[in-house]
Amino acid sequence: MSDFLLSPHPDPGWLLMEEGVDPAREREIEAILAIANGYIGTRASIGEDSRFSHPSTLAAGVYVPDTGVELGPRLAVLPNWLHVEVAVEDRPLSLETGRVLVHRRLLDLRQGVLWREWRQQDPSGRTTRLTYLQLASLADRHVLVQSVTVTAENYAGRISVTTGLRPSDDTRLVVASPSAVLMCASKTEVAIASASELRRPAFSRTSSDEGGSKIGEERWSWDASLGETVRLDRVVTIFTSRDVANPTKAAAERVTAVRACGFPAIVQAHVDAWLRKWEAAEIQIVGDEKAQRALRFAAYHLIAAANPTDEHVSIGARGLTGEAYRGRVFWDTEIYMLPFYVFTDPPAARALLMYRYHTLDAARRKARSHGYRGALYAWESADTGDETTPRNVVTPSGQVVTFLTGEREHHISADIAHAIWQYWRVWSAMVAPISER
């Protein structure tokens, strides 16, 4: 992986590795190795969209309603920005065609980077080595980075790389332009812009502004010499109407600014941001490497799930790693997660509590609906804070079961009050000695 500007951390205690491809575990692996920054999360899906992968990019606070069922809102799945197809002599490389020589994915917990290494022999005996770097910037939460190297190991020939956005069922195209793509996910507009650069003197490039399956598609081609390595760097920016009035303009301007800043600078800023987080959050365990890695893994996903700059969202049961629990917020956030942020990232802790403040009216509405005074928070909530727990669910056998948690689990309000009290206790204790000097 030396062809990149960055290498995985040399200490294996900071690395999670998955060798090979197991279709039965693929969706689990995609969640475990997900990259996120509290604003955007992307699963570690295979770039060429194999039939057993489940690519998902999720934006905190962007929900869509389910149609035809009474399960309530869920996090919207945005277009897949990681899609990459590599072809040799116009024959796409695939894990299901030819012979897989090496395939591994590596999550660098220390630097917040996902790596993938793939060596594939096609039916004609040509061996191609591909390496991927992917990250969701912690220095600029609107920025995503993808870098791919392609090496023709034992042949010379025509190679092409195609990138683009693969649409999801949750978004519909509103405007497509050379600078940015604007889509709509229910009541929220989502704009995505990208800029790419191929590190090679001679190549051809074509692009498409079509809708459908060719949104923002770019195709790069070159005549590779024996053993030659070529790198493609790609920066993607995402803004939503939750953040700005004109997300299309914001995404286009940010990708232009990032491009002017330079690819190395944006990667280094991300790595530096993760370093600062770990300086506050790391706990070292001596003599138990397994426990040390497990603790780092948990802290990694906690850091990746929170956004201290947005007090109108909270953390769903699976963070931004997938669609399980429909991206909704439970009491687990205040009881199990908040203590981590209280001691390591106070602005994030405050933002999570402010989500409950901003949804207080919904809690009051729920209390009144039960004949109570005061506030009764939702057992499951989304963007508005209203109760989203389904009244009934259908089991795999077809049986309809009444779901009572939304009506009877009232300790949620006490959990939130307890979390606020603990936050106040910790920080008043830390500030008091300073004020007394």
Protein backbone atom coordinates (compact mmCIF):
# COMPACT_ATOMS: atom_id res chain seq x y z
CA MET A 1 0.00 0.00 0.00
CA SER A 2 3.04 2.28 -0.37
CA ASP A 3 1.56 3.82 -3.55
CA PHE A 4 -0.65 5.98 -1.32
CA LEU A 5 0.26 9.11 0.58
CA LEU A 6 -0.64 7.20 3.74
CA SER A 7 0.04 3.74 5.13
CA PRO A 8 -1.89 1.68 7.69
CA HIS A 9 -0.75 2.13 11.28
CA PRO A 10 2.27 -0.12 11.94
CA ASP A 11 0.90 -1.41 15.27
CA PRO A 12 -1.45 -4.37 14.58
CA GLY A 13 -3.27 -3.54 17.80
CA TRP A 14 -4.91 -0.67 15.92
CA LEU A 15 -6.00 -2.76 12.93
CA LEU A 16 -9.02 -4.94 12.18
CA MET A 17 -8.52 -7.28 9.22
CA GLU A 18 -11.00 -9.39 7.28
CA GLU A 19 -9.48 -11.90 4.85
CA GLY A 20 -11.37 -13.25 1.85
CA VAL A 21 -15.05 -12.82 1.10
CA ASP A 22 -17.76 -14.74 2.92
CA PRO A 23 -21.19 -14.02 1.39
CA ALA A 24 -22.89 -15.22 4.57
CA ARG A 25 -21.03 -12.63 6.68
CA GLU A 26 -20.70 -9.82 4.16
CA ARG A 27 -23.39 -7.57 5.61
CA GLU A 28 -21.97 -8.02 9.10
CA ILE A 29 -18.45 -7.16 7.90
CA GLU A 30 -19.70 -4.07 6.07
CA ALA A 31 -21.09 -2.73 9.34
CA ILE A 32 -18.08 -3.64 11.49
CA LEU A 33 -15.64 -1.92 9.10
CA ALA A 34 -17.85 1.10 8.35
CA ILE A 35 -16.37 4.61 8.16
CA ALA A 36 -18.24 7.58 9.62
CA ASN A 37 -17.78 11.03 11.12
CA GLY A 38 -21.10 11.72 12.86
CA TYR A 39 -22.50 13.46 9.79
CA ILE A 40 -22.09 10.78 7.13
CA GLY A 41 -21.57 7.05 7.50
CA THR A 42 -20.70 4.55 4.78
CA ARG A 43 -20.64 0.78 5.04
CA ALA A 44 -17.52 -1.11 3.94
CA SER A 45 -19.20 -2.55 0.86
CA ILE A 46 -17.31 -3.94 -2.11
CA GLY A 47 -16.83 -1.17 -4.67
CA GLU A 48 -18.02 -3.11 -7.70
CA ASP A 49 -21.39 -3.85 -6.02
CA SER A 50 -21.29 -7.63 -5.83
CA ARG A 51 -24.65 -9.37 -5.52
CA PHE A 52 -24.07 -10.22 -1.86
CA SER A 53 -23.00 -6.75 -0.72
CA HIS A 54 -25.32 -4.12 0.75
CA PRO A 55 -23.85 -0.67 0.08
CA SER A 56 -25.37 2.11 2.18
CA THR A 57 -24.46 5.71 2.86
CA LEU A 58 -26.46 7.36 5.64
CA ALA A 59 -26.72 10.99 6.73
CA ALA A 60 -27.54 11.79 10.35
CA GLY A 61 -31.02 13.25 10.70
CA VAL A 62 -32.15 12.49 7.13
CA TYR A 63 -35.21 10.25 7.46
CA VAL A 64 -37.80 8.98 5.01
CA PRO A 65 -41.25 7.55 5.77
CA ASP A 66 -42.06 3.97 4.91
CA THR A 67 -44.87 3.61 2.41
CA GLY A 68 -47.53 0.99 2.85
CA VAL A 69 -46.42 -0.09 6.35
CA GLU A 70 -46.80 1.36 9.83
CA LEU A 71 -43.21 1.08 10.94
CA GLY A 72 -42.54 4.82 10.97
CA PRO A 73 -39.59 6.79 9.59
CA ARG A 74 -36.15 5.36 8.94
CA LEU A 75 -32.77 6.73 7.96
CA ALA A 76 -32.62 7.37 4.23
CA VAL A 77 -30.12 5.42 2.15
CA LEU A 78 -28.24 7.89 -0.02
CA PRO A 79 -26.65 7.09 -3.40
CA ASN A 80 -23.58 4.88 -3.21
CA TRP A 81 -20.57 7.13 -3.81
CA LEU A 82 -18.03 4.29 -3.46
CA HIS A 83 -18.99 2.54 -6.69
CA VAL A 84 -15.91 1.63 -8.74
CA GLU A 85 -15.63 -0.69 -11.72
CA VAL A 86 -12.24 -1.72 -13.10
CA ALA A 87 -12.04 -3.36 -16.53
CA VAL A 88 -9.11 -4.92 -18.37
CA GLU A 89 -9.50 -4.97 -22.15
CA ASP A 90 -13.17 -4.03 -21.60
CA ARG A 91 -13.80 -7.06 -19.33
CA PRO A 92 -14.88 -5.95 -15.83
CA LEU A 93 -12.99 -7.49 -12.94
CA SER A 94 -15.23 -9.43 -10.58
CA LEU A 95 -14.78 -11.54 -7.47
CA GLU A 96 -17.09 -14.05 -9.13
CA THR A 97 -15.19 -14.39 -12.41
CA GLY A 98 -11.63 -15.66 -12.69
CA ARG A 99 -9.49 -16.40 -9.64
CA VAL A 100 -9.21 -14.38 -6.44
CA LEU A 101 -5.55 -14.40 -5.38
CA VAL A 102 -5.81 -11.96 -2.46
CA HIS A 103 -8.73 -10.15 -0.93
CA ARG A 104 -8.62 -8.36 2.40
CA ARG A 105 -10.14 -5.32 4.06
CA LEU A 106 -8.37 -3.47 6.83
CA LEU A 107 -9.89 -0.91 9.18
CA ASP A 108 -7.27 1.39 10.68
CA LEU A 109 -8.85 2.47 13.96
CA ARG A 110 -6.08 4.94 14.77
CA GLN A 111 -6.41 6.91 11.54
CA GLY A 112 -10.06 6.28 10.69
CA VAL A 113 -9.23 4.78 7.29
CA LEU A 114 -10.60 1.73 5.49
CA TRP A 115 -8.18 -0.14 3.22
CA ARG A 116 -8.91 -2.86 0.69
CA GLU A 117 -6.37 -5.00 -1.18
CA TRP A 118 -7.47 -7.20 -4.07
CA ARG A 119 -5.40 -9.28 -6.51
CA GLN A 120 -7.49 -10.81 -9.26
CA GLN A 121 -6.54 -13.13 -12.10
CA ASP A 122 -8.97 -12.89 -14.99
CA PRO A 123 -9.93 -15.85 -17.24
CA SER A 124 -7.14 -14.86 -19.67
CA GLY A 125 -4.47 -15.16 -16.95
CA ARG A 126 -3.89 -11.41 -16.49
CA THR A 127 -3.27 -10.48 -12.86
CA THR A 128 -4.36 -7.06 -11.60
CA ARG A 129 -3.65 -5.69 -8.14
CA LEU A 130 -6.01 -3.08 -6.72
CA THR A 131 -5.71 -1.16 -3.46
CA TYR A 132 -8.30 1.20 -2.05
CA LEU A 133 -8.23 3.95 0.59
CA GLN A 134 -11.56 5.31 1.86
CA LEU A 135 -12.39 7.77 4.64
CA ALA A 136 -15.08 10.08 5.96
CA SER A 137 -13.18 13.17 7.01
CA LEU A 138 -13.26 14.01 10.71
CA ALA A 139 -11.63 17.38 9.94
CA ASP A 140 -14.39 18.40 7.50
CA ARG A 141 -17.50 16.30 8.01
CA HIS A 142 -18.87 17.14 4.57
CA VAL A 143 -15.89 15.53 2.81
CA LEU A 144 -15.42 11.92 1.75
CA VAL A 145 -12.27 10.55 0.14
CA GLN A 146 -11.66 7.58 -2.12
CA SER A 147 -8.33 6.62 -3.65
CA VAL A 148 -7.68 3.58 -5.86
CA THR A 149 -4.46 2.21 -7.31
CA VAL A 150 -4.45 -0.23 -10.22
CA THR A 151 -1.36 -2.30 -11.10
CA ALA A 152 -0.99 -4.44 -14.24
CA GLU A 153 1.23 -7.09 -12.68
CA ASN A 154 1.98 -9.46 -15.57
CA TYR A 155 0.64 -7.80 -18.69
CA ALA A 156 0.41 -4.62 -20.76
CA GLY A 157 -3.02 -3.58 -21.96
CA ARG A 158 -6.01 -1.28 -21.83
CA ILE A 159 -7.39 -0.56 -18.36
CA SER A 160 -10.40 1.52 -17.46
CA VAL A 161 -11.81 2.72 -14.13
CA THR A 162 -15.42 3.87 -13.87
CA THR A 163 -16.69 5.79 -10.86
CA GLY A 164 -20.03 7.36 -10.10
CA LEU A 165 -23.08 7.46 -7.88
CA ARG A 166 -25.40 4.48 -7.78
CA PRO A 167 -28.94 5.69 -6.96
CA SER A 168 -30.92 4.35 -4.04
CA ASP A 169 -34.63 3.71 -3.70
CA ASP A 170 -34.85 6.47 -1.08
CA THR A 171 -33.74 9.37 -3.27
CA ARG A 172 -35.05 10.84 -6.49
CA LEU A 173 -32.99 13.00 -8.81
CA VAL A 174 -34.01 16.65 -8.86
CA VAL A 175 -31.16 18.35 -10.74
CA ALA A 176 -28.00 16.94 -12.30
CA SER A 177 -25.22 19.34 -13.29
CA PRO A 178 -21.48 19.18 -13.96
CA SER A 179 -20.77 20.71 -10.53
CA ALA A 180 -23.17 18.86 -8.21
CA VAL A 181 -26.09 16.46 -8.13
CA LEU A 182 -29.18 17.44 -6.14
CA MET A 183 -31.52 14.74 -4.90
CA CYS A 184 -34.53 14.63 -2.64
CA ALA A 185 -35.01 12.21 0.26
CA SER A 186 -38.56 12.86 1.40
CA LYS A 187 -38.55 16.42 2.80
CA THR A 188 -34.74 16.79 2.75
CA GLU A 189 -32.61 17.85 -0.21
CA VAL A 190 -29.21 16.16 -0.52
CA ALA A 191 -26.47 17.53 -2.78
CA ILE A 192 -23.38 15.54 -3.78
CA ALA A 193 -20.40 16.89 -5.69
CA SER A 194 -17.17 15.16 -6.66
CA ALA A 195 -13.78 15.86 -8.17
CA SER A 196 -11.28 13.28 -9.43
CA GLU A 197 -7.68 13.22 -10.59
CA LEU A 198 -5.81 10.40 -12.31
CA ARG A 199 -2.09 10.31 -11.49
CA ARG A 200 -0.76 9.52 -14.97
CA PRO A 201 0.51 11.66 -17.89
CA ALA A 202 -1.59 10.11 -20.67
CA PHE A 203 -5.19 8.94 -20.39
CA SER A 204 -8.68 9.50 -21.77
CA ARG A 205 -11.69 10.59 -19.72
CA THR A 206 -15.41 10.58 -20.40
CA SER A 207 -18.22 11.71 -18.13
CA SER A 208 -21.99 11.47 -18.01
CA ASP A 209 -24.58 13.76 -16.47
CA GLU A 210 -27.38 11.33 -17.20
CA GLY A 211 -29.84 10.24 -14.55
CA GLY A 212 -30.73 6.67 -13.79
CA SER A 213 -27.73 4.44 -13.09
CA LYS A 214 -25.17 6.84 -14.60
CA ILE A 215 -25.41 9.78 -12.19
CA GLY A 216 -22.10 11.65 -12.10
CA GLU A 217 -20.33 8.79 -13.88
CA GLU A 218 -16.70 9.22 -14.97
CA ARG A 219 -14.62 6.76 -16.97
CA TRP A 220 -10.84 6.89 -17.07
CA SER A 221 -8.85 4.76 -19.55
CA TRP A 222 -5.17 4.27 -20.32
CA ASP A 223 -2.76 1.84 -21.97
CA ALA A 224 -0.90 0.30 -19.05
CA SER A 225 2.65 -0.92 -19.43
CA LEU A 226 3.89 -4.09 -17.75
CA GLY A 227 3.99 -3.62 -13.96
CA GLU A 228 2.71 -0.03 -14.09
CA THR A 229 0.73 1.37 -11.14
CA VAL A 230 -1.78 4.18 -11.64
CA ARG A 231 -3.66 6.00 -8.87
CA LEU A 232 -7.05 7.70 -9.02
CA ASP A 233 -7.90 10.18 -6.25
CA ARG A 234 -11.50 11.22 -5.70
CA VAL A 235 -13.08 13.72 -3.30
CA VAL A 236 -16.83 13.78 -2.65
CA THR A 237 -18.72 16.46 -0.73
CA ILE A 238 -22.23 16.16 0.72
CA PHE A 239 -24.55 18.85 2.06
CA THR A 240 -28.23 18.66 2.95
CA SER A 241 -30.99 21.20 3.39
CA ARG A 242 -30.78 20.45 7.12
CA ASP A 243 -27.45 22.32 7.11
CA VAL A 244 -27.71 25.06 4.49
CA ALA A 245 -30.34 26.79 2.39
CA ASN A 246 -28.65 25.88 -0.90
CA PRO A 247 -26.96 22.48 -0.58
CA THR A 248 -26.11 22.30 -4.29
CA LYS A 249 -24.07 25.49 -4.13
CA ALA A 250 -22.45 24.49 -0.86
CA ALA A 251 -21.38 21.06 -2.16
CA ALA A 252 -19.97 22.50 -5.39
CA GLU A 253 -18.06 25.27 -3.60
CA ARG A 254 -16.66 22.90 -0.97
CA VAL A 255 -15.37 20.39 -3.53
CA THR A 256 -13.68 23.25 -5.41
CA ALA A 257 -12.04 24.49 -2.21
CA VAL A 258 -10.88 20.99 -1.24
CA ARG A 259 -9.44 20.41 -4.68
CA ALA A 260 -7.52 23.69 -4.45
CA CYS A 261 -6.24 22.70 -1.01
CA GLY A 262 -4.91 19.43 -2.39
CA PHE A 263 -5.56 15.77 -1.78
CA PRO A 264 -2.62 15.25 0.61
CA ALA A 265 -3.77 18.13 2.81
CA ILE A 266 -7.33 16.82 3.26
CA VAL A 267 -6.07 13.32 4.12
CA GLN A 268 -3.55 14.68 6.63
CA ALA A 269 -6.15 16.93 8.27
CA HIS A 270 -8.36 13.88 8.77
CA VAL A 271 -5.54 11.83 10.31
CA ASP A 272 -4.63 14.73 12.62
CA ALA A 273 -8.26 15.05 13.75
CA TRP A 274 -8.36 11.35 14.68
CA LEU A 275 -5.08 11.72 16.56
CA ARG A 276 -6.59 14.49 18.69
CA LYS A 277 -9.64 12.34 19.44
CA TRP A 278 -7.47 9.43 20.55
CA GLU A 279 -5.37 11.67 22.78
CA ALA A 280 -8.56 12.31 24.76
CA ALA A 281 -10.19 8.90 24.47
CA GLU A 282 -7.60 6.13 24.50
CA ILE A 283 -7.28 3.86 27.52
CA GLN A 284 -4.32 1.50 27.54
CA ILE A 285 -4.66 -2.05 28.86
CA VAL A 286 -1.42 -3.82 29.67
CA GLY A 287 -1.12 -7.54 29.08
CA ASP A 288 -4.38 -8.19 27.21
CA GLU A 289 -4.13 -7.38 23.50
CA LYS A 290 -7.59 -8.76 22.76
CA ALA A 291 -9.24 -6.50 25.33
CA GLN A 292 -7.17 -3.54 24.12
CA ARG A 293 -8.33 -3.98 20.52
CA ALA A 294 -11.95 -4.48 21.63
CA LEU A 295 -11.84 -1.26 23.63
CA ARG A 296 -10.34 0.64 20.70
CA PHE A 297 -12.98 -0.79 18.38
CA ALA A 298 -15.77 0.41 20.66
CA ALA A 299 -14.22 3.86 21.05
CA TYR A 300 -13.69 4.12 17.28
CA HIS A 301 -17.37 3.62 16.56
CA LEU A 302 -18.40 5.99 19.35
CA ILE A 303 -16.13 8.71 17.98
CA ALA A 304 -17.43 8.05 14.46
CA ALA A 305 -21.08 8.26 15.56
CA ALA A 306 -21.18 11.70 17.20
CA ASN A 307 -21.30 15.18 15.69
CA PRO A 308 -20.69 17.92 18.26
CA THR A 309 -21.73 20.61 15.77
CA ASP A 310 -25.31 19.36 15.31
CA GLU A 311 -27.61 19.48 18.33
CA HIS A 312 -30.69 18.40 16.36
CA VAL A 313 -29.59 14.78 15.91
CA SER A 314 -28.73 11.97 18.27
CA ILE A 315 -27.15 8.54 17.82
CA GLY A 316 -29.30 5.67 16.62
CA ALA A 317 -28.93 2.13 17.94
CA ARG A 318 -26.47 1.27 15.14
CA GLY A 319 -24.95 4.70 14.66
CA LEU A 320 -24.35 5.32 10.95
CA THR A 321 -23.20 1.77 10.16
CA GLY A 322 -26.45 0.42 8.74
CA GLU A 323 -30.22 0.45 8.65
CA ALA A 324 -30.92 -1.85 11.60
CA TYR A 325 -33.36 -0.37 14.12
CA ARG A 326 -34.26 2.04 11.30
CA GLY A 327 -31.70 4.56 12.56
CA ARG A 328 -33.88 5.53 15.49
CA VAL A 329 -32.79 6.82 18.89
CA PHE A 330 -33.32 4.84 22.11
CA TRP A 331 -32.49 5.35 25.79
CA ASP A 332 -29.22 3.51 25.18
CA THR A 333 -27.69 6.79 23.98
CA GLU A 334 -28.08 8.56 27.32
CA ILE A 335 -27.34 5.59 29.59
CA TYR A 336 -24.60 3.69 27.74
CA MET A 337 -23.02 6.13 25.30
CA LEU A 338 -23.20 9.57 26.88
CA PRO A 339 -20.69 8.83 29.71
CA PHE A 340 -17.99 8.23 27.09
CA TYR A 341 -18.57 11.67 25.56
CA VAL A 342 -18.91 13.42 28.92
CA PHE A 343 -15.31 12.52 29.74
CA THR A 344 -13.73 12.58 26.27
CA ASP A 345 -15.74 15.00 24.11
CA PRO A 346 -17.94 17.40 26.14
CA PRO A 347 -19.24 19.29 23.07
CA ALA A 348 -20.55 15.99 21.67
CA ALA A 349 -22.17 15.14 25.01
CA ARG A 350 -23.86 18.53 25.11
CA ALA A 351 -25.11 18.18 21.51
CA LEU A 352 -26.69 14.82 22.32
CA LEU A 353 -28.50 16.28 25.33
CA MET A 354 -29.62 19.27 23.27
CA TYR A 355 -31.36 16.88 20.89
CA ARG A 356 -33.63 16.00 23.82
CA TYR A 357 -34.13 19.71 24.56
CA HIS A 358 -35.15 20.43 20.97
CA THR A 359 -37.59 17.49 21.00
CA LEU A 360 -39.15 18.45 24.35
CA ASP A 361 -42.41 19.56 22.69
CA ALA A 362 -42.83 16.06 21.24
CA ALA A 363 -42.25 14.58 24.69
CA ARG A 364 -44.92 16.87 26.10
CA ARG A 365 -47.33 15.81 23.38
CA LYS A 366 -46.78 12.17 24.24
CA ALA A 367 -47.34 12.85 27.95
CA ARG A 368 -50.64 14.59 27.22
CA SER A 369 -51.75 11.70 24.99
CA HIS A 370 -51.36 9.39 28.02
CA GLY A 371 -53.13 11.79 30.36
CA TYR A 372 -49.94 12.89 32.12
CA ARG A 373 -48.45 16.27 32.94
CA GLY A 374 -44.87 17.11 32.01
CA ALA A 375 -42.82 15.28 29.38
CA LEU A 376 -42.70 11.63 28.39
CA TYR A 377 -39.97 10.98 25.84
CA ALA A 378 -40.41 8.55 22.97
CA TRP A 379 -39.13 5.00 23.32
CA GLU A 380 -38.01 5.27 19.67
CA SER A 381 -37.57 8.66 18.07
CA ALA A 382 -36.27 10.17 14.85
CA ASP A 383 -35.88 13.77 13.71
CA THR A 384 -38.97 15.29 15.38
CA GLY A 385 -38.79 13.40 18.68
CA ASP A 386 -42.31 12.00 18.28
CA GLU A 387 -42.97 8.39 19.21
CA THR A 388 -42.06 6.16 16.27
CA THR A 389 -42.34 2.74 17.89
CA PRO A 390 -44.66 0.63 15.71
CA ARG A 391 -47.90 -0.49 17.32
CA ASN A 392 -47.79 -3.89 15.65
CA VAL A 393 -45.11 -6.01 14.01
CA VAL A 394 -45.36 -9.07 11.78
CA THR A 395 -43.17 -12.04 12.73
CA PRO A 396 -41.44 -14.19 10.07
CA SER A 397 -44.26 -16.71 10.51
CA GLY A 398 -46.84 -14.07 9.59
CA GLN A 399 -48.21 -13.59 13.09
CA VAL A 400 -49.16 -10.03 14.07
CA VAL A 401 -47.75 -9.13 17.48
CA THR A 402 -48.66 -6.00 19.44
CA PHE A 403 -45.59 -3.95 20.35
CA LEU A 404 -46.03 -2.35 23.77
CA THR A 405 -42.67 -0.70 24.41
CA GLY A 406 -43.78 2.65 22.98
CA GLU A 407 -46.69 2.73 25.41
CA ARG A 408 -45.30 1.17 28.59
CA GLU A 409 -41.55 1.84 28.70
CA HIS A 410 -41.73 5.08 30.67
CA HIS A 411 -38.26 4.96 32.23
CA ILE A 412 -36.93 6.69 29.10
CA SER A 413 -37.73 10.10 30.65
CA ALA A 414 -35.95 9.22 33.89
CA ASP A 415 -32.97 8.01 31.85
CA ILE A 416 -32.69 11.36 30.11
CA ALA A 417 -33.03 13.29 33.37
CA HIS A 418 -30.33 11.07 34.88
CA ALA A 419 -28.02 11.76 31.92
CA ILE A 420 -28.46 15.52 32.24
CA TRP A 421 -27.76 15.30 35.96
CA GLN A 422 -24.60 13.26 35.43
CA TYR A 423 -23.35 15.68 32.77
CA TRP A 424 -23.91 18.60 35.16
CA ARG A 425 -22.25 16.79 38.08
CA VAL A 426 -19.08 15.98 36.12
CA TRP A 427 -18.57 19.41 34.60
CA SER A 428 -19.57 21.45 37.63
CA ALA A 429 -17.04 19.41 39.63
CA MET A 430 -14.33 20.10 37.05
CA VAL A 431 -15.09 23.82 36.65
CA ALA A 432 -15.54 24.59 40.37
CA PRO A 433 -11.88 24.18 41.36
CA ILE A 434 -10.87 26.53 38.56
CA SER A 435 -13.38 29.21 39.59
CA GLU A 436 -12.19 29.04 43.20
CA ARG A 437 -8.61 29.93 42.33
